[in-house]
Amino acid sequence: MQSTQENKNKNKSLVSFCVGGACGLGAALAFSVAVAFAMTGGALGQEDPAQRAAFASALADCESAAFSGDNSGRAIGACDSVLRSAELGDETRARVLANRGAIAVRRGEAGPALGDLEEAVRLNPEMAEAWLSLSGARIIAGRLNPAIDAAQTALSLDVSQPALAHFNIAIAHEQAGRLDLAYASYVEAASLAPDDSRLAAQPGRFRQHQTQPAQAGK
């Protein structure tokens, strides 16, 4: 029976595997976060027109950055500005935190991401996208089993991108050395998003799991 280390050596590590023009675990995590639902003007509570306009602009910038992949300090600042408002209800605050947390995950900032996303799911535990992003944050922080739990919660809440939840589960299993479980989750992720070449490429890295041709005379 082959040892776990021997199996690891037979795989190309995700950390050194390049796909879609980006490399490694960072590339994988870029696809393992989701943003919260966009908010509407009904969340605005300021009576002063200038304050209302500034709030609306910051909210739009925060949402736009989360959805577009803008990871800049300006994007974080826009979310910060919204969160300083005393007018926010729990649902709106949860969504802004989820968006800021998703940006922080993409920036590789585990501490801020965990803080925002843990608070987001506390305020709104039914927000599947926040749970998905939280799984990515926990992977960055090396909290692999909790990352799997968060991704599974996202799936139980019918997250809109189930392939990414399975992808996060696969990443966590692979980082923990559970290669059979990782392979199965990568296969599931690829099957749910057949048009995503980056997800489709992952199972092929697990060479010991591929069907071997029969040897001549066998």
C-alpha atoms as a PDB file:
ATOM      1  CA  MET A   1       0.000   0.000   0.000  1.00  0.00           C
ATOM      2  CA  GLN A   2       1.352   3.407  -0.934  1.00  0.00           C
ATOM      3  CA  SER A   3       1.939   5.885   1.840  1.00  0.00           C
ATOM      4  CA  THR A   4       0.216   9.248   1.962  1.00  0.00           C
ATOM      5  CA  GLN A   5       3.550  10.921   1.267  1.00  0.00           C
ATOM      6  CA  GLU A   6       4.093   8.776  -1.823  1.00  0.00           C
ATOM      7  CA  ASN A   7       0.651   9.737  -3.090  1.00  0.00           C
ATOM      8  CA  LYS A   8       1.396  13.391  -2.452  1.00  0.00           C
ATOM      9  CA  ASN A   9       4.574  13.100  -4.454  1.00  0.00           C
ATOM     10  CA  LYS A  10       2.640  11.653  -7.385  1.00  0.00           C
ATOM     11  CA  ASN A  11       0.380  14.684  -7.550  1.00  0.00           C
ATOM     12  CA  LYS A  12       1.320  18.073  -8.821  1.00  0.00           C
ATOM     13  CA  SER A  13       0.791  20.267  -5.797  1.00  0.00           C
ATOM     14  CA  LEU A  14      -1.950  22.861  -6.053  1.00  0.00           C
ATOM     15  CA  VAL A  15       0.541  25.342  -4.676  1.00  0.00           C
ATOM     16  CA  SER A  16       2.769  24.935  -7.738  1.00  0.00           C
ATOM     17  CA  PHE A  17       0.093  24.232 -10.335  1.00  0.00           C
ATOM     18  CA  CYS A  18      -0.670  27.059 -12.744  1.00  0.00           C
ATOM     19  CA  VAL A  19      -4.035  27.405 -14.401  1.00  0.00           C
ATOM     20  CA  GLY A  20      -5.858  30.185 -16.178  1.00  0.00           C
ATOM     21  CA  GLY A  21      -2.844  32.492 -16.086  1.00  0.00           C
ATOM     22  CA  ALA A  22      -2.503  32.389 -12.290  1.00  0.00           C
ATOM     23  CA  CYS A  23      -0.726  29.995  -9.996  1.00  0.00           C
ATOM     24  CA  GLY A  24      -1.227  28.179  -6.775  1.00  0.00           C
ATOM     25  CA  LEU A  25      -3.563  28.315  -3.859  1.00  0.00           C
ATOM     26  CA  GLY A  26      -4.003  32.034  -4.319  1.00  0.00           C
ATOM     27  CA  ALA A  27      -5.465  31.387  -7.747  1.00  0.00           C
ATOM     28  CA  ALA A  28      -7.820  28.818  -6.316  1.00  0.00           C
ATOM     29  CA  LEU A  29      -8.999  31.145  -3.591  1.00  0.00           C
ATOM     30  CA  ALA A  30      -9.777  33.791  -6.167  1.00  0.00           C
ATOM     31  CA  PHE A  31     -12.695  31.615  -7.181  1.00  0.00           C
ATOM     32  CA  SER A  32     -13.739  30.548  -3.716  1.00  0.00           C
ATOM     33  CA  VAL A  33     -15.468  33.697  -2.507  1.00  0.00           C
ATOM     34  CA  ALA A  34     -18.853  35.133  -3.280  1.00  0.00           C
ATOM     35  CA  VAL A  35     -20.368  38.529  -2.675  1.00  0.00           C
ATOM     36  CA  ALA A  36     -23.588  39.266  -0.888  1.00  0.00           C
ATOM     37  CA  PHE A  37     -26.731  40.423  -2.619  1.00  0.00           C
ATOM     38  CA  ALA A  38     -26.755  44.009  -3.824  1.00  0.00           C
ATOM     39  CA  MET A  39     -28.628  46.456  -1.654  1.00  0.00           C
ATOM     40  CA  THR A  40     -31.208  48.987  -2.738  1.00  0.00           C
ATOM     41  CA  GLY A  41     -31.733  52.617  -1.835  1.00  0.00           C
ATOM     42  CA  GLY A  42     -34.176  51.550   0.830  1.00  0.00           C
ATOM     43  CA  ALA A  43     -31.219  50.959   3.129  1.00  0.00           C
ATOM     44  CA  LEU A  44     -30.463  54.664   3.236  1.00  0.00           C
ATOM     45  CA  GLY A  45     -31.693  56.459   6.313  1.00  0.00           C
ATOM     46  CA  GLN A  46     -30.001  59.886   6.238  1.00  0.00           C
ATOM     47  CA  GLU A  47     -32.272  62.899   6.030  1.00  0.00           C
ATOM     48  CA  ASP A  48     -29.548  65.288   4.883  1.00  0.00           C
ATOM     49  CA  PRO A  49     -29.346  65.111   1.062  1.00  0.00           C
ATOM     50  CA  ALA A  50     -25.557  65.493   1.007  1.00  0.00           C
ATOM     51  CA  GLN A  51     -25.072  62.720   3.558  1.00  0.00           C
ATOM     52  CA  ARG A  52     -27.540  60.547   1.702  1.00  0.00           C
ATOM     53  CA  ALA A  53     -25.696  61.078  -1.568  1.00  0.00           C
ATOM     54  CA  ALA A  54     -22.309  60.321   0.044  1.00  0.00           C
ATOM     55  CA  PHE A  55     -23.715  57.167   1.630  1.00  0.00           C
ATOM     56  CA  ALA A  56     -25.231  56.021  -1.661  1.00  0.00           C
ATOM     57  CA  SER A  57     -21.947  56.618  -3.476  1.00  0.00           C
ATOM     58  CA  ALA A  58     -19.922  54.680  -0.916  1.00  0.00           C
ATOM     59  CA  LEU A  59     -22.426  51.826  -0.944  1.00  0.00           C
ATOM     60  CA  ALA A  60     -22.323  51.647  -4.729  1.00  0.00           C
ATOM     61  CA  ASP A  61     -18.520  51.669  -4.714  1.00  0.00           C
ATOM     62  CA  CYS A  62     -18.366  48.901  -2.087  1.00  0.00           C
ATOM     63  CA  GLU A  63     -20.802  46.705  -3.991  1.00  0.00           C
ATOM     64  CA  SER A  64     -19.190  47.387  -7.352  1.00  0.00           C
ATOM     65  CA  ALA A  65     -15.763  46.497  -6.013  1.00  0.00           C
ATOM     66  CA  ALA A  66     -16.996  43.260  -4.477  1.00  0.00           C
ATOM     67  CA  PHE A  67     -18.690  42.151  -7.682  1.00  0.00           C
ATOM     68  CA  SER A  68     -15.976  43.329 -10.091  1.00  0.00           C
ATOM     69  CA  GLY A  69     -12.982  41.927  -8.234  1.00  0.00           C
ATOM     70  CA  ASP A  70     -11.553  45.328  -7.271  1.00  0.00           C
ATOM     71  CA  ASN A  71      -9.266  44.611  -4.307  1.00  0.00           C
ATOM     72  CA  SER A  72      -7.946  48.129  -3.857  1.00  0.00           C
ATOM     73  CA  GLY A  73      -7.653  50.091  -0.659  1.00  0.00           C
ATOM     74  CA  ARG A  74     -10.208  52.472  -2.105  1.00  0.00           C
ATOM     75  CA  ALA A  75     -12.712  49.617  -2.307  1.00  0.00           C
ATOM     76  CA  ILE A  76     -12.123  48.711   1.342  1.00  0.00           C
ATOM     77  CA  GLY A  77     -12.460  52.389   2.247  1.00  0.00           C
ATOM     78  CA  ALA A  78     -15.843  52.608   0.563  1.00  0.00           C
ATOM     79  CA  CYS A  79     -17.118  49.675   2.600  1.00  0.00           C
ATOM     80  CA  ASP A  80     -15.616  51.217   5.751  1.00  0.00           C
ATOM     81  CA  SER A  81     -17.518  54.423   5.067  1.00  0.00           C
ATOM     82  CA  VAL A  82     -20.839  52.589   4.799  1.00  0.00           C
ATOM     83  CA  LEU A  83     -20.215  50.619   7.978  1.00  0.00           C
ATOM     84  CA  ARG A  84     -19.587  53.811   9.952  1.00  0.00           C
ATOM     85  CA  SER A  85     -23.234  54.768   9.487  1.00  0.00           C
ATOM     86  CA  ALA A  86     -25.395  54.395  12.572  1.00  0.00           C
ATOM     87  CA  GLU A  87     -28.404  53.940  10.307  1.00  0.00           C
ATOM     88  CA  LEU A  88     -27.599  50.390   9.189  1.00  0.00           C
ATOM     89  CA  GLY A  89     -29.883  47.551  10.161  1.00  0.00           C
ATOM     90  CA  ASP A  90     -28.511  44.091  10.803  1.00  0.00           C
ATOM     91  CA  GLU A  91     -29.353  42.741   7.343  1.00  0.00           C
ATOM     92  CA  THR A  92     -27.693  45.592   5.495  1.00  0.00           C
ATOM     93  CA  ARG A  93     -24.681  45.557   7.807  1.00  0.00           C
ATOM     94  CA  ALA A  94     -24.306  41.817   7.248  1.00  0.00           C
ATOM     95  CA  ARG A  95     -24.293  42.266   3.497  1.00  0.00           C
ATOM     96  CA  VAL A  96     -21.749  45.088   3.553  1.00  0.00           C
ATOM     97  CA  LEU A  97     -19.535  43.041   5.885  1.00  0.00           C
ATOM     98  CA  ALA A  98     -19.845  40.052   3.539  1.00  0.00           C
ATOM     99  CA  ASN A  99     -18.787  42.182   0.586  1.00  0.00           C
ATOM    100  CA  ARG A 100     -15.848  43.710   2.475  1.00  0.00           C
ATOM    101  CA  GLY A 101     -14.902  40.261   3.720  1.00  0.00           C
ATOM    102  CA  ALA A 102     -14.900  38.874   0.186  1.00  0.00           C
ATOM    103  CA  ILE A 103     -12.555  41.667  -0.874  1.00  0.00           C
ATOM    104  CA  ALA A 104     -10.287  40.891   2.083  1.00  0.00           C
ATOM    105  CA  VAL A 105     -10.188  37.196   1.102  1.00  0.00           C
ATOM    106  CA  ARG A 106      -9.063  38.130  -2.387  1.00  0.00           C
ATOM    107  CA  ARG A 107      -6.377  40.343  -0.832  1.00  0.00           C
ATOM    108  CA  GLY A 108      -5.178  37.384   1.236  1.00  0.00           C
ATOM    109  CA  GLU A 109      -5.936  39.188   4.501  1.00  0.00           C
ATOM    110  CA  ALA A 110      -7.160  36.368   6.698  1.00  0.00           C
ATOM    111  CA  GLY A 111      -7.688  38.324   9.915  1.00  0.00           C
ATOM    112  CA  PRO A 112      -9.907  41.097   8.514  1.00  0.00           C
ATOM    113  CA  ALA A 113     -11.741  38.607   6.296  1.00  0.00           C
ATOM    114  CA  LEU A 114     -12.526  36.294   9.194  1.00  0.00           C
ATOM    115  CA  GLY A 115     -13.686  39.169  11.368  1.00  0.00           C
ATOM    116  CA  ASP A 116     -16.057  40.530   8.739  1.00  0.00           C
ATOM    117  CA  LEU A 117     -17.449  37.211   7.586  1.00  0.00           C
ATOM    118  CA  GLU A 118     -17.916  35.695  11.036  1.00  0.00           C
ATOM    119  CA  GLU A 119     -19.878  38.800  11.996  1.00  0.00           C
ATOM    120  CA  ALA A 120     -21.853  38.705   8.741  1.00  0.00           C
ATOM    121  CA  VAL A 121     -23.061  35.141   9.308  1.00  0.00           C
ATOM    122  CA  ARG A 122     -23.808  35.934  12.948  1.00  0.00           C
ATOM    123  CA  LEU A 123     -26.061  38.804  11.863  1.00  0.00           C
ATOM    124  CA  ASN A 124     -27.604  36.850   8.993  1.00  0.00           C
ATOM    125  CA  PRO A 125     -26.972  33.094   9.285  1.00  0.00           C
ATOM    126  CA  GLU A 126     -29.064  32.412   6.174  1.00  0.00           C
ATOM    127  CA  MET A 127     -26.684  34.270   3.844  1.00  0.00           C
ATOM    128  CA  ALA A 128     -25.206  31.426   1.813  1.00  0.00           C
ATOM    129  CA  GLU A 129     -22.732  33.620  -0.054  1.00  0.00           C
ATOM    130  CA  ALA A 130     -21.208  34.850   3.193  1.00  0.00           C
ATOM    131  CA  TRP A 131     -20.681  31.246   4.320  1.00  0.00           C
ATOM    132  CA  LEU A 132     -18.954  30.492   1.012  1.00  0.00           C
ATOM    133  CA  SER A 133     -16.629  33.458   1.427  1.00  0.00           C
ATOM    134  CA  LEU A 134     -16.025  32.465   5.033  1.00  0.00           C
ATOM    135  CA  SER A 135     -14.814  29.070   3.868  1.00  0.00           C
ATOM    136  CA  GLY A 136     -12.231  30.821   1.700  1.00  0.00           C
ATOM    137  CA  ALA A 137     -11.117  33.002   4.602  1.00  0.00           C
ATOM    138  CA  ARG A 138     -10.706  29.967   6.831  1.00  0.00           C
ATOM    139  CA  ILE A 139      -8.593  28.232   4.191  1.00  0.00           C
ATOM    140  CA  ILE A 140      -6.249  31.221   4.086  1.00  0.00           C
ATOM    141  CA  ALA A 141      -6.029  31.093   7.878  1.00  0.00           C
ATOM    142  CA  GLY A 142      -5.231  27.368   7.837  1.00  0.00           C
ATOM    143  CA  ARG A 143      -8.480  26.466   9.584  1.00  0.00           C
ATOM    144  CA  LEU A 144      -9.202  23.629   7.225  1.00  0.00           C
ATOM    145  CA  ASN A 145     -11.955  21.638   8.958  1.00  0.00           C
ATOM    146  CA  PRO A 146     -13.920  24.801   9.842  1.00  0.00           C
ATOM    147  CA  ALA A 147     -13.496  25.848   6.197  1.00  0.00           C
ATOM    148  CA  ILE A 148     -15.182  22.617   5.117  1.00  0.00           C
ATOM    149  CA  ASP A 149     -17.967  23.207   7.635  1.00  0.00           C
ATOM    150  CA  ALA A 150     -18.586  26.705   6.233  1.00  0.00           C
ATOM    151  CA  ALA A 151     -18.663  25.445   2.642  1.00  0.00           C
ATOM    152  CA  GLN A 152     -21.082  22.687   3.601  1.00  0.00           C
ATOM    153  CA  THR A 153     -23.305  25.247   5.318  1.00  0.00           C
ATOM    154  CA  ALA A 154     -23.283  27.293   2.114  1.00  0.00           C
ATOM    155  CA  LEU A 155     -24.391  24.208   0.194  1.00  0.00           C
ATOM    156  CA  SER A 156     -27.161  23.501   2.706  1.00  0.00           C
ATOM    157  CA  LEU A 157     -28.433  27.049   2.124  1.00  0.00           C
ATOM    158  CA  ASP A 158     -28.519  26.507  -1.661  1.00  0.00           C
ATOM    159  CA  VAL A 159     -25.602  28.807  -2.468  1.00  0.00           C
ATOM    160  CA  SER A 160     -25.823  30.116  -6.011  1.00  0.00           C
ATOM    161  CA  GLN A 161     -22.339  28.784  -6.866  1.00  0.00           C
ATOM    162  CA  PRO A 162     -22.234  25.232  -5.501  1.00  0.00           C
ATOM    163  CA  ALA A 163     -19.220  24.378  -7.647  1.00  0.00           C
ATOM    164  CA  LEU A 164     -17.160  26.883  -5.677  1.00  0.00           C
ATOM    165  CA  ALA A 165     -18.304  25.411  -2.369  1.00  0.00           C
ATOM    166  CA  HIS A 166     -17.132  21.965  -3.497  1.00  0.00           C
ATOM    167  CA  PHE A 167     -13.933  23.565  -4.775  1.00  0.00           C
ATOM    168  CA  ASN A 168     -13.237  25.027  -1.325  1.00  0.00           C
ATOM    169  CA  ILE A 169     -13.932  21.671   0.273  1.00  0.00           C
ATOM    170  CA  ALA A 170     -11.454  20.099  -2.149  1.00  0.00           C
ATOM    171  CA  ILE A 171      -8.781  22.698  -1.398  1.00  0.00           C
ATOM    172  CA  ALA A 172      -9.173  22.169   2.340  1.00  0.00           C
ATOM    173  CA  HIS A 173      -8.977  18.398   2.026  1.00  0.00           C
ATOM    174  CA  GLU A 174      -5.906  18.630  -0.198  1.00  0.00           C
ATOM    175  CA  GLN A 175      -4.136  20.991   2.157  1.00  0.00           C
ATOM    176  CA  ALA A 176      -4.903  18.547   4.993  1.00  0.00           C
ATOM    177  CA  GLY A 177      -3.457  15.649   2.990  1.00  0.00           C
ATOM    178  CA  ARG A 178      -6.800  13.899   2.484  1.00  0.00           C
ATOM    179  CA  LEU A 179      -6.217  13.295  -1.195  1.00  0.00           C
ATOM    180  CA  ASP A 180      -9.028  10.843  -1.926  1.00  0.00           C
ATOM    181  CA  LEU A 181     -11.578  13.253  -0.467  1.00  0.00           C
ATOM    182  CA  ALA A 182      -9.946  16.170  -2.258  1.00  0.00           C
ATOM    183  CA  TYR A 183     -10.089  14.393  -5.599  1.00  0.00           C
ATOM    184  CA  ALA A 184     -13.763  13.513  -5.147  1.00  0.00           C
ATOM    185  CA  SER A 185     -14.613  17.121  -4.327  1.00  0.00           C
ATOM    186  CA  TYR A 186     -12.624  18.472  -7.285  1.00  0.00           C
ATOM    187  CA  VAL A 187     -14.518  16.067  -9.551  1.00  0.00           C
ATOM    188  CA  GLU A 188     -17.821  17.257  -8.103  1.00  0.00           C
ATOM    189  CA  ALA A 189     -16.843  20.913  -8.553  1.00  0.00           C
ATOM    190  CA  ALA A 190     -15.837  20.306 -12.160  1.00  0.00           C
ATOM    191  CA  SER A 191     -19.060  18.435 -12.902  1.00  0.00           C
ATOM    192  CA  LEU A 192     -21.145  21.338 -11.584  1.00  0.00           C
ATOM    193  CA  ALA A 193     -19.302  23.906 -13.709  1.00  0.00           C
ATOM    194  CA  PRO A 194     -18.352  22.055 -16.912  1.00  0.00           C
ATOM    195  CA  ASP A 195     -17.555  25.267 -18.762  1.00  0.00           C
ATOM    196  CA  ASP A 196     -14.997  26.452 -16.211  1.00  0.00           C
ATOM    197  CA  SER A 197     -11.635  25.273 -17.490  1.00  0.00           C
ATOM    198  CA  ARG A 198      -9.914  26.152 -14.231  1.00  0.00           C
ATOM    199  CA  LEU A 199     -12.131  23.827 -12.235  1.00  0.00           C
ATOM    200  CA  ALA A 200     -12.034  21.174 -14.946  1.00  0.00           C
ATOM    201  CA  ALA A 201      -8.228  21.080 -14.775  1.00  0.00           C
ATOM    202  CA  GLN A 202      -7.984  20.182 -11.106  1.00  0.00           C
ATOM    203  CA  PRO A 203      -8.864  16.439 -11.111  1.00  0.00           C
ATOM    204  CA  GLY A 204      -6.174  15.770 -13.718  1.00  0.00           C
ATOM    205  CA  ARG A 205      -3.477  16.738 -11.225  1.00  0.00           C
ATOM    206  CA  PHE A 206      -4.274  13.595  -9.212  1.00  0.00           C
ATOM    207  CA  ARG A 207      -2.379  11.163 -11.357  1.00  0.00           C
ATOM    208  CA  GLN A 208      -2.716   8.160  -9.047  1.00  0.00           C
ATOM    209  CA  HIS A 209      -6.507   8.517  -9.305  1.00  0.00           C
ATOM    210  CA  GLN A 210      -6.569   8.327 -13.083  1.00  0.00           C
ATOM    211  CA  THR A 211      -7.498   5.084 -14.805  1.00  0.00           C
ATOM    212  CA  GLN A 212      -4.340   3.288 -15.859  1.00  0.00           C
ATOM    213  CA  PRO A 213      -4.261   1.448 -19.208  1.00  0.00           C
ATOM    214  CA  ALA A 214      -4.030  -2.317 -18.892  1.00  0.00           C
ATOM    215  CA  GLN A 215      -0.540  -3.664 -19.378  1.00  0.00           C
ATOM    216  CA  ALA A 216       0.088  -5.957 -22.347  1.00  0.00           C
ATOM    217  CA  GLY A 217      -0.346  -9.625 -21.490  1.00  0.00           C
ATOM    218  CA  LYS A 218      -2.391  -8.886 -18.367  1.00  0.00           C
END
